[in-house]
């Protein structure tokens, strides 16, 4: 069974002996990959839609991992149980992710590790989870076709971050590299286009955009 590079990178951030809840598991490809790594990882594959849950069960059965992976039908962290220490959410909008954690703050604060790959609003999700008592342990950029995705691993603990670190990611700022430049050059161009299109009476939005453009230009010029 093959998985895409995004899921593989997420799976490679999961620590040995973890008990994972994969929220929005889709076809359970990630969960199957985790178990096959043979690192004493346990997994619950959950989804809010009946179709993916059915497909996940079929894939798990085909791989003969019925006893190792439990499939649960439910919304967000409703499928959580006390033995889970790691939550994984990928391929979802950042605002939806915040909603999932916000609606289950008591569960969120019990977790040791959160691994997310938001499709957007990455900075907002990072800020929210840091306020909930997590720090950014690792960050990865991964390219799939023409798209570049952020993967963020957070651990329980406290750290302070600057506006620049929230925007770019503290670990990504340290690593940089070719994909970093490609990703943030795209971000720069999209903001330049938006700035030209945005009416002048959108003062706050234009102020935020100017601040972000300044950050992008400073970091990308180095």
N, C-alpha and C. Protein backbone atom coordinates (compact mmCIF):
# COMPACT_ATOMS: atom_id res chain seq x y z
N UNK A 1 0.83 -1.20 0.00
CA UNK A 1 0.00 0.00 0.00
C UNK A 1 0.87 1.26 0.00
N UNK A 2 0.60 2.17 -0.95
CA UNK A 2 1.38 3.40 -1.06
C UNK A 2 0.59 4.56 -0.47
N UNK A 3 1.31 5.46 0.21
CA UNK A 3 0.68 6.67 0.69
C UNK A 3 1.42 7.87 0.11
N UNK A 4 0.72 9.00 0.06
CA UNK A 4 1.38 10.18 -0.50
C UNK A 4 2.42 10.73 0.47
N UNK A 5 3.25 11.63 -0.04
CA UNK A 5 4.36 12.14 0.73
C UNK A 5 3.90 12.94 1.95
N UNK A 6 2.78 13.63 1.80
CA UNK A 6 2.25 14.42 2.93
C UNK A 6 1.93 13.52 4.12
N UNK A 7 1.20 12.43 3.86
CA UNK A 7 0.84 11.50 4.93
C UNK A 7 2.08 10.81 5.50
N UNK A 8 3.01 10.47 4.64
CA UNK A 8 4.24 9.82 5.11
C UNK A 8 5.01 10.74 6.06
N UNK A 9 5.12 12.01 5.69
CA UNK A 9 5.83 12.97 6.55
C UNK A 9 5.12 13.13 7.89
N UNK A 10 3.79 13.13 7.87
CA UNK A 10 3.03 13.19 9.13
C UNK A 10 3.32 11.96 9.96
N UNK A 11 3.24 10.79 9.32
CA UNK A 11 3.49 9.54 10.04
C UNK A 11 4.87 9.46 10.64
N UNK A 12 5.85 10.04 9.96
CA UNK A 12 7.23 9.99 10.44
C UNK A 12 7.47 10.93 11.63
N UNK A 13 6.51 11.81 11.91
CA UNK A 13 6.61 12.67 13.09
C UNK A 13 6.01 12.03 14.34
N UNK A 14 5.29 10.93 14.15
CA UNK A 14 4.67 10.23 15.28
C UNK A 14 5.74 9.44 16.03
N UNK A 15 5.74 9.57 17.34
CA UNK A 15 6.76 8.93 18.17
C UNK A 15 6.41 7.48 18.47
N UNK A 16 7.43 6.68 18.72
CA UNK A 16 7.23 5.28 19.12
C UNK A 16 6.38 5.23 20.39
N UNK A 17 5.58 4.17 20.51
CA UNK A 17 4.75 3.91 21.69
C UNK A 17 3.59 4.89 21.85
N UNK A 18 3.27 5.63 20.78
CA UNK A 18 2.15 6.58 20.84
C UNK A 18 0.83 5.86 20.66
N UNK A 19 -0.23 6.47 21.19
CA UNK A 19 -1.60 6.03 20.93
C UNK A 19 -2.28 7.18 20.21
N UNK A 20 -2.54 7.00 18.91
CA UNK A 20 -2.99 8.10 18.05
C UNK A 20 -4.49 8.05 17.75
N UNK A 21 -5.07 9.24 17.71
CA UNK A 21 -6.42 9.41 17.19
C UNK A 21 -6.29 10.22 15.90
N UNK A 22 -6.62 9.58 14.79
CA UNK A 22 -6.54 10.23 13.47
C UNK A 22 -7.92 10.77 13.13
N UNK A 23 -8.10 12.08 13.29
CA UNK A 23 -9.40 12.71 13.06
C UNK A 23 -9.53 13.05 11.58
N UNK A 24 -10.62 12.58 10.96
CA UNK A 24 -10.79 12.74 9.52
C UNK A 24 -9.86 11.81 8.78
N UNK A 25 -9.95 10.53 9.10
CA UNK A 25 -8.97 9.53 8.63
C UNK A 25 -9.09 9.22 7.16
N UNK A 26 -10.22 9.58 6.54
CA UNK A 26 -10.46 9.29 5.13
C UNK A 26 -10.38 7.79 4.88
N UNK A 27 -9.33 7.31 4.22
CA UNK A 27 -9.24 5.88 3.89
C UNK A 27 -8.36 5.10 4.86
N UNK A 28 -7.92 5.75 5.94
CA UNK A 28 -7.08 5.12 6.97
C UNK A 28 -5.68 4.74 6.46
N UNK A 29 -5.24 5.36 5.37
CA UNK A 29 -3.90 5.07 4.85
C UNK A 29 -2.82 5.42 5.88
N UNK A 30 -2.99 6.56 6.55
CA UNK A 30 -2.01 6.97 7.55
C UNK A 30 -1.94 5.98 8.69
N UNK A 31 -3.09 5.54 9.17
CA UNK A 31 -3.14 4.61 10.31
C UNK A 31 -2.49 3.28 9.96
N UNK A 32 -2.73 2.81 8.76
CA UNK A 32 -2.10 1.56 8.30
C UNK A 32 -0.58 1.74 8.24
N UNK A 33 -0.14 2.87 7.72
CA UNK A 33 1.30 3.17 7.65
C UNK A 33 1.92 3.18 9.04
N UNK A 34 1.23 3.81 10.00
CA UNK A 34 1.75 3.89 11.37
C UNK A 34 1.94 2.52 12.00
N UNK A 35 0.96 1.64 11.82
CA UNK A 35 1.06 0.30 12.42
C UNK A 35 2.17 -0.50 11.75
N UNK A 36 2.29 -0.36 10.45
CA UNK A 36 3.31 -1.12 9.71
C UNK A 36 4.73 -0.64 10.00
N UNK A 37 4.86 0.54 10.61
CA UNK A 37 6.20 1.02 10.98
C UNK A 37 6.80 0.17 12.10
N UNK A 38 5.95 -0.58 12.79
CA UNK A 38 6.39 -1.50 13.86
C UNK A 38 7.16 -0.76 14.96
N UNK A 39 6.51 0.32 15.46
CA UNK A 39 7.10 1.11 16.54
C UNK A 39 6.19 1.13 17.77
N UNK A 40 5.40 0.06 17.89
CA UNK A 40 4.47 -0.07 19.02
C UNK A 40 3.50 1.12 19.08
N UNK A 41 3.01 1.51 17.91
CA UNK A 41 2.04 2.59 17.82
C UNK A 41 0.64 1.99 17.72
N UNK A 42 -0.30 2.56 18.47
CA UNK A 42 -1.70 2.17 18.39
C UNK A 42 -2.46 3.29 17.71
N UNK A 43 -3.57 2.94 17.02
CA UNK A 43 -4.28 3.96 16.26
C UNK A 43 -5.79 3.76 16.28
N UNK A 44 -6.48 4.90 16.35
CA UNK A 44 -7.92 4.96 16.14
C UNK A 44 -8.14 5.81 14.90
N UNK A 45 -8.82 5.26 13.92
CA UNK A 45 -9.15 6.00 12.70
C UNK A 45 -10.60 6.46 12.81
N UNK A 46 -10.81 7.77 12.76
CA UNK A 46 -12.18 8.27 12.92
C UNK A 46 -12.55 9.25 11.81
N UNK A 47 -13.84 9.30 11.51
CA UNK A 47 -14.32 10.23 10.49
C UNK A 47 -15.79 10.53 10.75
N UNK A 48 -16.22 11.70 10.29
CA UNK A 48 -17.60 12.13 10.48
C UNK A 48 -18.52 11.61 9.38
N UNK A 49 -17.92 11.13 8.28
CA UNK A 49 -18.70 10.68 7.12
C UNK A 49 -18.72 9.16 7.04
N UNK A 50 -19.86 8.61 6.71
CA UNK A 50 -20.02 7.15 6.66
C UNK A 50 -19.18 6.52 5.55
N UNK A 51 -19.07 7.22 4.40
CA UNK A 51 -18.30 6.68 3.27
C UNK A 51 -16.85 6.40 3.63
N UNK A 52 -16.12 7.40 4.14
CA UNK A 52 -14.73 7.17 4.55
C UNK A 52 -14.58 6.12 5.64
N UNK A 53 -15.52 6.08 6.58
CA UNK A 53 -15.46 5.07 7.64
C UNK A 53 -15.58 3.67 7.05
N UNK A 54 -16.49 3.50 6.11
CA UNK A 54 -16.66 2.20 5.45
C UNK A 54 -15.40 1.82 4.67
N UNK A 55 -14.84 2.80 3.93
CA UNK A 55 -13.64 2.55 3.15
C UNK A 55 -12.45 2.24 4.06
N UNK A 56 -12.37 2.95 5.19
CA UNK A 56 -11.29 2.71 6.15
C UNK A 56 -11.35 1.28 6.67
N UNK A 57 -12.53 0.82 7.03
CA UNK A 57 -12.70 -0.55 7.53
C UNK A 57 -12.28 -1.58 6.48
N UNK A 58 -12.65 -1.33 5.23
CA UNK A 58 -12.29 -2.26 4.15
C UNK A 58 -10.78 -2.30 3.94
N UNK A 59 -10.14 -1.14 3.96
CA UNK A 59 -8.69 -1.08 3.77
C UNK A 59 -7.94 -1.76 4.91
N UNK A 60 -8.42 -1.52 6.12
CA UNK A 60 -7.78 -2.12 7.30
C UNK A 60 -7.95 -3.65 7.27
N UNK A 61 -9.13 -4.09 6.89
CA UNK A 61 -9.39 -5.54 6.80
C UNK A 61 -8.50 -6.17 5.72
N UNK A 62 -8.35 -5.47 4.58
CA UNK A 62 -7.51 -5.96 3.50
C UNK A 62 -6.06 -6.13 3.94
N UNK A 63 -5.61 -5.23 4.81
CA UNK A 63 -4.24 -5.29 5.32
C UNK A 63 -4.10 -6.20 6.54
N UNK A 64 -5.23 -6.80 6.95
CA UNK A 64 -5.27 -7.71 8.11
C UNK A 64 -4.81 -7.02 9.39
N UNK A 65 -5.31 -5.79 9.58
CA UNK A 65 -4.94 -5.01 10.77
C UNK A 65 -6.16 -4.67 11.62
N UNK A 66 -7.20 -5.51 11.51
CA UNK A 66 -8.44 -5.27 12.26
C UNK A 66 -8.22 -5.16 13.76
N UNK A 67 -7.29 -5.96 14.27
CA UNK A 67 -7.06 -5.97 15.72
C UNK A 67 -6.17 -4.80 16.17
N UNK A 68 -5.42 -4.24 15.25
CA UNK A 68 -4.49 -3.17 15.61
C UNK A 68 -5.08 -1.77 15.46
N UNK A 69 -6.04 -1.61 14.54
CA UNK A 69 -6.63 -0.29 14.29
C UNK A 69 -8.14 -0.35 14.52
N UNK A 70 -8.60 0.54 15.38
CA UNK A 70 -10.04 0.64 15.63
C UNK A 70 -10.60 1.79 14.80
N UNK A 71 -11.74 1.56 14.18
CA UNK A 71 -12.39 2.59 13.39
C UNK A 71 -13.61 3.11 14.15
N UNK A 72 -13.70 4.43 14.26
CA UNK A 72 -14.83 5.03 14.98
C UNK A 72 -15.51 6.08 14.11
N UNK A 73 -16.83 6.10 14.18
CA UNK A 73 -17.64 7.06 13.45
C UNK A 73 -18.02 8.18 14.41
N UNK A 74 -17.62 9.42 14.10
CA UNK A 74 -17.95 10.53 14.99
C UNK A 74 -17.33 11.83 14.55
N UNK A 75 -17.73 12.89 15.23
CA UNK A 75 -17.32 14.25 14.88
C UNK A 75 -16.14 14.72 15.73
N UNK A 76 -15.05 15.09 15.06
CA UNK A 76 -13.92 15.69 15.76
C UNK A 76 -13.38 14.83 16.87
N UNK A 77 -13.25 15.43 18.07
CA UNK A 77 -12.68 14.73 19.21
C UNK A 77 -13.73 13.95 20.00
N UNK A 78 -14.94 13.82 19.44
CA UNK A 78 -15.97 13.00 20.10
C UNK A 78 -15.54 11.54 20.16
N UNK A 79 -14.61 11.14 19.30
CA UNK A 79 -14.16 9.75 19.25
C UNK A 79 -12.95 9.51 20.15
N UNK A 80 -12.57 10.52 20.92
CA UNK A 80 -11.42 10.41 21.83
C UNK A 80 -11.71 9.45 22.99
N UNK A 81 -10.66 8.77 23.45
CA UNK A 81 -10.74 7.99 24.69
C UNK A 81 -9.48 8.28 25.51
N UNK A 82 -9.52 8.01 26.80
CA UNK A 82 -8.48 8.47 27.73
C UNK A 82 -7.08 7.93 27.44
N UNK A 83 -6.97 6.82 26.72
CA UNK A 83 -5.65 6.25 26.45
C UNK A 83 -4.94 6.95 25.28
N UNK A 84 -5.64 7.82 24.56
CA UNK A 84 -5.05 8.55 23.44
C UNK A 84 -4.12 9.64 23.97
N UNK A 85 -2.91 9.72 23.42
CA UNK A 85 -1.98 10.79 23.80
C UNK A 85 -1.62 11.70 22.64
N UNK A 86 -1.94 11.27 21.41
CA UNK A 86 -1.58 12.02 20.21
C UNK A 86 -2.79 12.16 19.30
N UNK A 87 -3.06 13.39 18.88
CA UNK A 87 -4.14 13.63 17.91
C UNK A 87 -3.54 14.14 16.62
N UNK A 88 -4.01 13.58 15.49
CA UNK A 88 -3.54 13.97 14.16
C UNK A 88 -4.74 14.48 13.36
N UNK A 89 -4.59 15.67 12.78
CA UNK A 89 -5.63 16.19 11.88
C UNK A 89 -4.93 16.76 10.64
N UNK A 90 -5.34 16.28 9.48
CA UNK A 90 -4.69 16.72 8.24
C UNK A 90 -5.73 17.00 7.16
N UNK A 91 -5.36 17.88 6.22
CA UNK A 91 -6.20 18.11 5.05
C UNK A 91 -7.51 18.81 5.34
N UNK A 92 -7.50 19.69 6.31
CA UNK A 92 -8.69 20.41 6.74
C UNK A 92 -8.34 21.88 6.89
N UNK A 93 -9.33 22.74 6.76
CA UNK A 93 -9.09 24.17 6.96
C UNK A 93 -8.69 24.48 8.39
N UNK A 94 -7.83 25.48 8.55
CA UNK A 94 -7.34 25.84 9.87
C UNK A 94 -8.44 26.26 10.83
N UNK A 95 -9.42 26.99 10.33
CA UNK A 95 -10.52 27.44 11.19
C UNK A 95 -11.34 26.25 11.71
N UNK A 96 -11.52 25.25 10.86
CA UNK A 96 -12.23 24.04 11.30
C UNK A 96 -11.44 23.32 12.39
N UNK A 97 -10.12 23.29 12.23
CA UNK A 97 -9.27 22.66 13.25
C UNK A 97 -9.41 23.38 14.59
N UNK A 98 -9.36 24.71 14.54
CA UNK A 98 -9.52 25.48 15.78
C UNK A 98 -10.86 25.16 16.43
N UNK A 99 -11.91 25.06 15.61
CA UNK A 99 -13.23 24.72 16.14
C UNK A 99 -13.25 23.38 16.84
N UNK A 100 -12.58 22.39 16.26
CA UNK A 100 -12.52 21.06 16.87
C UNK A 100 -11.86 21.11 18.23
N UNK A 101 -10.72 21.78 18.32
CA UNK A 101 -10.01 21.88 19.60
C UNK A 101 -10.75 22.77 20.59
N UNK A 102 -11.33 23.85 20.11
CA UNK A 102 -12.03 24.81 20.98
C UNK A 102 -13.28 24.17 21.60
N UNK A 103 -13.96 23.35 20.82
CA UNK A 103 -15.17 22.69 21.33
C UNK A 103 -14.86 21.55 22.29
N UNK A 104 -13.59 21.20 22.40
CA UNK A 104 -13.18 20.09 23.29
C UNK A 104 -11.91 20.49 24.04
N UNK A 105 -11.95 21.65 24.70
CA UNK A 105 -10.77 22.17 25.37
C UNK A 105 -10.26 21.24 26.47
N UNK A 106 -11.19 20.59 27.18
CA UNK A 106 -10.77 19.68 28.25
C UNK A 106 -9.97 18.51 27.71
N UNK A 107 -10.38 18.00 26.54
CA UNK A 107 -9.64 16.90 25.90
C UNK A 107 -8.32 17.42 25.33
N UNK A 108 -8.36 18.56 24.67
CA UNK A 108 -7.17 19.15 24.06
C UNK A 108 -6.05 19.29 25.09
N UNK A 109 -6.39 19.76 26.28
CA UNK A 109 -5.37 20.01 27.30
C UNK A 109 -4.82 18.73 27.93
N UNK A 110 -5.48 17.59 27.68
CA UNK A 110 -4.98 16.31 28.18
C UNK A 110 -3.91 15.72 27.27
N UNK A 111 -3.86 16.17 26.02
CA UNK A 111 -2.98 15.56 25.02
C UNK A 111 -1.51 15.88 25.27
N UNK A 112 -0.65 14.97 24.84
CA UNK A 112 0.80 15.19 24.89
C UNK A 112 1.31 15.77 23.58
N UNK A 113 0.71 15.30 22.48
CA UNK A 113 1.20 15.67 21.15
C UNK A 113 0.04 15.95 20.21
N UNK A 114 0.19 16.99 19.38
CA UNK A 114 -0.77 17.29 18.32
C UNK A 114 0.01 17.46 17.02
N UNK A 115 -0.40 16.74 15.99
CA UNK A 115 0.23 16.87 14.67
C UNK A 115 -0.84 17.31 13.69
N UNK A 116 -0.63 18.47 13.08
CA UNK A 116 -1.64 19.02 12.18
C UNK A 116 -1.02 19.42 10.85
N UNK A 117 -1.86 19.40 9.81
CA UNK A 117 -1.45 19.90 8.50
C UNK A 117 -2.62 20.68 7.92
N UNK A 118 -2.78 21.94 8.37
CA UNK A 118 -3.93 22.74 7.91
C UNK A 118 -3.75 23.19 6.46
N UNK A 119 -4.87 23.28 5.75
CA UNK A 119 -4.82 23.76 4.37
C UNK A 119 -4.69 25.28 4.29
N UNK A 120 -5.02 25.97 5.39
CA UNK A 120 -4.94 27.42 5.45
C UNK A 120 -4.96 27.88 6.91
N UNK A 121 -4.84 29.19 7.13
CA UNK A 121 -4.88 29.77 8.48
C UNK A 121 -3.92 29.07 9.45
N UNK A 122 -2.74 28.71 8.94
CA UNK A 122 -1.77 28.00 9.77
C UNK A 122 -1.35 28.82 10.99
N UNK A 123 -1.15 30.11 10.78
CA UNK A 123 -0.71 30.97 11.89
C UNK A 123 -1.77 31.01 12.99
N UNK A 124 -3.03 31.09 12.62
CA UNK A 124 -4.12 31.13 13.60
C UNK A 124 -4.17 29.86 14.44
N UNK A 125 -3.97 28.71 13.78
CA UNK A 125 -4.01 27.43 14.51
C UNK A 125 -2.84 27.36 15.49
N UNK A 126 -1.66 27.78 15.05
CA UNK A 126 -0.49 27.76 15.93
C UNK A 126 -0.71 28.65 17.14
N UNK A 127 -1.20 29.85 16.93
CA UNK A 127 -1.44 30.78 18.03
C UNK A 127 -2.44 30.20 19.03
N UNK A 128 -3.50 29.59 18.51
CA UNK A 128 -4.53 29.03 19.38
C UNK A 128 -3.97 27.89 20.24
N UNK A 129 -3.23 26.97 19.63
CA UNK A 129 -2.73 25.82 20.37
C UNK A 129 -1.62 26.20 21.34
N UNK A 130 -0.83 27.21 21.00
CA UNK A 130 0.17 27.70 21.96
C UNK A 130 -0.53 28.28 23.18
N UNK A 131 -1.63 28.99 22.98
CA UNK A 131 -2.41 29.52 24.11
C UNK A 131 -3.00 28.40 24.96
N UNK A 132 -3.20 27.23 24.34
CA UNK A 132 -3.76 26.08 25.06
C UNK A 132 -2.69 25.30 25.83
N UNK A 133 -1.44 25.73 25.74
CA UNK A 133 -0.38 25.09 26.51
C UNK A 133 0.51 24.15 25.74
N UNK A 134 0.70 24.43 24.45
CA UNK A 134 1.59 23.61 23.61
C UNK A 134 2.68 24.48 23.01
N UNK A 135 3.80 23.85 22.65
CA UNK A 135 4.86 24.56 21.93
C UNK A 135 5.13 23.84 20.62
N UNK A 136 5.72 24.56 19.68
CA UNK A 136 5.99 24.02 18.35
C UNK A 136 7.29 23.21 18.39
N UNK A 137 7.17 21.90 18.28
CA UNK A 137 8.31 21.00 18.40
C UNK A 137 9.01 20.78 17.06
N UNK A 138 8.23 20.71 15.99
CA UNK A 138 8.82 20.47 14.67
C UNK A 138 7.86 20.98 13.60
N UNK A 139 8.44 21.31 12.45
CA UNK A 139 7.66 21.77 11.30
C UNK A 139 8.32 21.25 10.03
N UNK A 140 7.46 20.87 9.09
CA UNK A 140 7.96 20.32 7.81
C UNK A 140 7.15 20.93 6.68
N UNK A 141 7.80 21.22 5.58
CA UNK A 141 7.12 21.58 4.34
C UNK A 141 7.21 20.39 3.39
N UNK A 142 6.11 20.07 2.74
CA UNK A 142 6.10 18.93 1.82
C UNK A 142 5.35 19.33 0.56
N UNK A 143 5.89 18.92 -0.58
CA UNK A 143 5.27 19.27 -1.86
C UNK A 143 4.57 18.07 -2.46
N UNK A 144 3.30 18.27 -2.85
CA UNK A 144 2.51 17.25 -3.54
C UNK A 144 1.98 17.89 -4.82
N UNK A 145 2.51 17.50 -5.96
CA UNK A 145 2.10 18.13 -7.21
C UNK A 145 2.52 19.60 -7.19
N UNK A 146 1.56 20.49 -7.42
CA UNK A 146 1.88 21.92 -7.43
C UNK A 146 1.65 22.58 -6.05
N UNK A 147 1.18 21.80 -5.10
CA UNK A 147 0.87 22.35 -3.78
C UNK A 147 1.98 22.08 -2.78
N UNK A 148 2.19 23.03 -1.87
CA UNK A 148 3.13 22.86 -0.76
C UNK A 148 2.36 22.98 0.54
N UNK A 149 2.52 21.99 1.42
CA UNK A 149 1.77 21.94 2.67
C UNK A 149 2.69 22.09 3.87
N UNK A 150 2.16 22.70 4.92
CA UNK A 150 2.85 22.77 6.20
C UNK A 150 2.38 21.63 7.09
N UNK A 151 3.32 20.99 7.77
CA UNK A 151 3.00 20.00 8.80
C UNK A 151 3.62 20.50 10.11
N UNK A 152 2.81 20.57 11.15
CA UNK A 152 3.25 21.16 12.41
C UNK A 152 3.05 20.15 13.55
N UNK A 153 4.11 19.91 14.29
CA UNK A 153 4.03 19.03 15.46
C UNK A 153 4.16 19.88 16.72
N UNK A 154 3.17 19.76 17.61
CA UNK A 154 3.18 20.51 18.86
C UNK A 154 3.21 19.55 20.04
N UNK A 155 3.94 19.93 21.05
CA UNK A 155 4.06 19.14 22.27
C UNK A 155 3.58 19.97 23.46
N UNK A 156 3.15 19.28 24.51
CA UNK A 156 2.70 19.98 25.71
C UNK A 156 3.87 20.73 26.35
N UNK A 157 3.66 22.00 26.65
CA UNK A 157 4.71 22.82 27.23
C UNK A 157 4.51 24.27 26.82
N UNK A 158 5.35 25.14 27.33
CA UNK A 158 5.19 26.57 27.07
C UNK A 158 6.44 27.19 26.46
N UNK A 159 6.22 27.97 25.41
CA UNK A 159 7.28 28.77 24.79
C UNK A 159 6.64 30.05 24.25
N UNK A 160 7.45 31.09 24.19
CA UNK A 160 6.97 32.34 23.61
C UNK A 160 7.54 32.50 22.20
N UNK A 161 6.73 33.07 21.33
CA UNK A 161 7.15 33.25 19.94
C UNK A 161 6.93 34.69 19.49
N UNK A 162 7.78 35.16 18.62
CA UNK A 162 7.63 36.48 18.03
C UNK A 162 6.60 36.41 16.90
N UNK A 163 6.18 37.58 16.44
CA UNK A 163 5.24 37.63 15.31
C UNK A 163 5.85 36.94 14.09
N UNK A 164 7.14 37.15 13.88
CA UNK A 164 7.82 36.52 12.75
C UNK A 164 7.82 35.00 12.88
N UNK A 165 8.06 34.49 14.08
CA UNK A 165 8.08 33.03 14.30
C UNK A 165 6.70 32.42 14.10
N UNK A 166 5.65 33.11 14.53
CA UNK A 166 4.30 32.61 14.28
C UNK A 166 4.00 32.59 12.78
N UNK A 167 4.41 33.62 12.09
CA UNK A 167 4.08 33.75 10.67
C UNK A 167 4.80 32.70 9.83
N UNK A 168 6.09 32.56 10.02
CA UNK A 168 6.88 31.61 9.22
C UNK A 168 6.98 30.23 9.87
N UNK A 169 6.88 30.20 11.19
CA UNK A 169 7.15 28.97 11.93
C UNK A 169 8.56 28.99 12.46
N UNK A 170 8.76 28.85 13.77
CA UNK A 170 10.11 28.96 14.34
C UNK A 170 11.09 27.92 13.82
N UNK A 171 10.62 26.69 13.60
CA UNK A 171 11.50 25.63 13.10
C UNK A 171 11.81 25.85 11.62
N UNK A 172 10.80 26.24 10.85
CA UNK A 172 11.01 26.49 9.42
C UNK A 172 11.97 27.66 9.21
N UNK A 173 11.91 28.64 10.08
CA UNK A 173 12.83 29.78 9.99
C UNK A 173 14.28 29.34 10.17
N UNK A 174 14.48 28.35 11.02
CA UNK A 174 15.83 27.82 11.25
C UNK A 174 16.29 26.97 10.08
N UNK A 175 15.39 26.14 9.57
CA UNK A 175 15.75 25.22 8.49
C UNK A 175 15.90 25.94 7.15
N UNK A 176 14.91 26.75 6.83
CA UNK A 176 14.79 27.42 5.52
C UNK A 176 14.95 26.40 4.39
N UNK A 177 15.80 26.67 3.41
CA UNK A 177 15.97 25.73 2.31
C UNK A 177 15.15 26.11 1.09
N UNK A 178 15.27 25.31 0.04
CA UNK A 178 14.67 25.59 -1.27
C UNK A 178 13.13 25.63 -1.20
N UNK A 179 12.53 24.67 -0.52
CA UNK A 179 11.07 24.60 -0.44
C UNK A 179 10.50 25.76 0.37
N UNK A 180 11.24 26.17 1.40
CA UNK A 180 10.84 27.33 2.21
C UNK A 180 10.74 28.57 1.32
N UNK A 181 11.76 28.79 0.50
CA UNK A 181 11.77 29.96 -0.38
C UNK A 181 10.65 29.89 -1.40
N UNK A 182 10.45 28.72 -1.98
CA UNK A 182 9.39 28.56 -2.98
C UNK A 182 8.01 28.82 -2.36
N UNK A 183 7.79 28.27 -1.17
CA UNK A 183 6.50 28.42 -0.49
C UNK A 183 6.21 29.89 -0.16
N UNK A 184 7.20 30.56 0.42
CA UNK A 184 6.94 31.92 0.87
C UNK A 184 7.05 32.95 -0.26
N UNK A 185 7.69 32.61 -1.36
CA UNK A 185 7.61 33.47 -2.55
C UNK A 185 6.19 33.46 -3.11
N UNK A 186 5.56 32.30 -3.05
CA UNK A 186 4.15 32.21 -3.46
C UNK A 186 3.27 33.07 -2.55
N UNK A 187 3.56 32.99 -1.25
CA UNK A 187 2.78 33.78 -0.28
C UNK A 187 2.97 35.27 -0.55
N UNK A 188 4.19 35.65 -0.87
CA UNK A 188 4.49 37.05 -1.18
C UNK A 188 3.70 37.52 -2.40
N UNK A 189 3.74 36.75 -3.47
CA UNK A 189 3.06 37.14 -4.71
C UNK A 189 1.55 37.22 -4.52
N UNK A 190 0.97 36.27 -3.78
CA UNK A 190 -0.48 36.29 -3.57
C UNK A 190 -0.91 37.51 -2.76
N UNK A 191 -0.07 37.92 -1.81
CA UNK A 191 -0.39 39.12 -1.01
C UNK A 191 -0.20 40.40 -1.82
N UNK A 192 0.77 40.42 -2.70
CA UNK A 192 0.96 41.58 -3.57
C UNK A 192 -0.24 41.77 -4.49
N UNK A 193 -0.75 40.67 -5.02
CA UNK A 193 -1.94 40.73 -5.88
C UNK A 193 -3.15 41.22 -5.09
N UNK A 194 -3.32 40.65 -3.88
CA UNK A 194 -4.45 41.04 -3.04
C UNK A 194 -4.38 42.51 -2.65
N UNK A 195 -3.18 43.00 -2.34
CA UNK A 195 -3.00 44.40 -1.96
C UNK A 195 -3.44 45.33 -3.10
N UNK A 196 -3.13 44.96 -4.33
CA UNK A 196 -3.51 45.78 -5.49
C UNK A 196 -5.02 45.76 -5.75
N UNK A 197 -5.67 44.67 -5.36
CA UNK A 197 -7.10 44.53 -5.60
C UNK A 197 -7.97 45.08 -4.47
N UNK A 198 -7.38 45.16 -3.27
CA UNK A 198 -8.16 45.53 -2.08
C UNK A 198 -8.50 47.02 -2.08
N UNK A 199 -9.78 47.37 -1.92
CA UNK A 199 -10.17 48.79 -1.85
C UNK A 199 -9.47 49.50 -0.69
N UNK A 200 -9.21 50.79 -0.86
CA UNK A 200 -8.46 51.55 0.12
C UNK A 200 -9.20 51.73 1.45
N UNK A 201 -10.52 51.57 1.42
CA UNK A 201 -11.28 51.72 2.68
C UNK A 201 -11.17 50.47 3.58
N UNK A 202 -10.55 49.40 3.08
CA UNK A 202 -10.27 48.21 3.91
C UNK A 202 -8.97 48.46 4.67
N UNK A 203 -9.03 49.41 5.57
CA UNK A 203 -7.79 49.89 6.20
C UNK A 203 -7.09 48.84 7.06
N UNK A 204 -7.85 48.11 7.88
CA UNK A 204 -7.22 47.13 8.76
C UNK A 204 -6.60 45.99 7.95
N UNK A 205 -7.35 45.50 6.97
CA UNK A 205 -6.84 44.41 6.14
C UNK A 205 -5.59 44.86 5.39
N UNK A 206 -5.59 46.10 4.89
CA UNK A 206 -4.42 46.61 4.18
C UNK A 206 -3.22 46.78 5.13
N UNK A 207 -3.51 47.16 6.38
CA UNK A 207 -2.44 47.29 7.37
C UNK A 207 -1.79 45.94 7.65
N UNK A 208 -2.63 44.91 7.84
CA UNK A 208 -2.12 43.55 8.10
C UNK A 208 -1.31 43.06 6.90
N UNK A 209 -1.82 43.28 5.71
CA UNK A 209 -1.12 42.85 4.50
C UNK A 209 0.24 43.54 4.36
N UNK A 210 0.28 44.84 4.63
CA UNK A 210 1.56 45.58 4.55
C UNK A 210 2.57 45.01 5.53
N UNK A 211 2.10 44.68 6.74
CA UNK A 211 2.99 44.12 7.76
C UNK A 211 3.53 42.76 7.32
N UNK A 212 2.65 41.94 6.74
CA UNK A 212 3.08 40.62 6.26
C UNK A 212 4.03 40.73 5.07
N UNK A 213 3.76 41.66 4.18
CA UNK A 213 4.64 41.87 3.03
C UNK A 213 6.03 42.32 3.48
N UNK A 214 6.06 43.14 4.48
CA UNK A 214 7.35 43.60 5.01
C UNK A 214 8.14 42.42 5.59
N UNK A 215 7.45 41.58 6.36
CA UNK A 215 8.11 40.39 6.93
C UNK A 215 8.64 39.48 5.83
N UNK A 216 7.81 39.23 4.83
CA UNK A 216 8.19 38.34 3.73
C UNK A 216 9.40 38.88 2.98
N UNK A 217 9.40 40.16 2.68
CA UNK A 217 10.52 40.76 1.96
C UNK A 217 11.81 40.70 2.75
N UNK A 218 11.72 40.96 4.06
CA UNK A 218 12.92 40.94 4.92
C UNK A 218 13.53 39.53 4.97
N UNK A 219 12.69 38.53 5.20
CA UNK A 219 13.19 37.16 5.36
C UNK A 219 13.67 36.58 4.03
N UNK A 220 12.95 36.84 2.96
CA UNK A 220 13.30 36.26 1.66
C UNK A 220 14.53 36.91 1.04
N UNK A 221 14.85 38.10 1.46
CA UNK A 221 16.04 38.79 0.94
C UNK A 221 17.32 38.29 1.58
N UNK A 222 17.19 37.61 2.73
CA UNK A 222 18.40 37.14 3.45
C UNK A 222 18.99 35.92 2.76
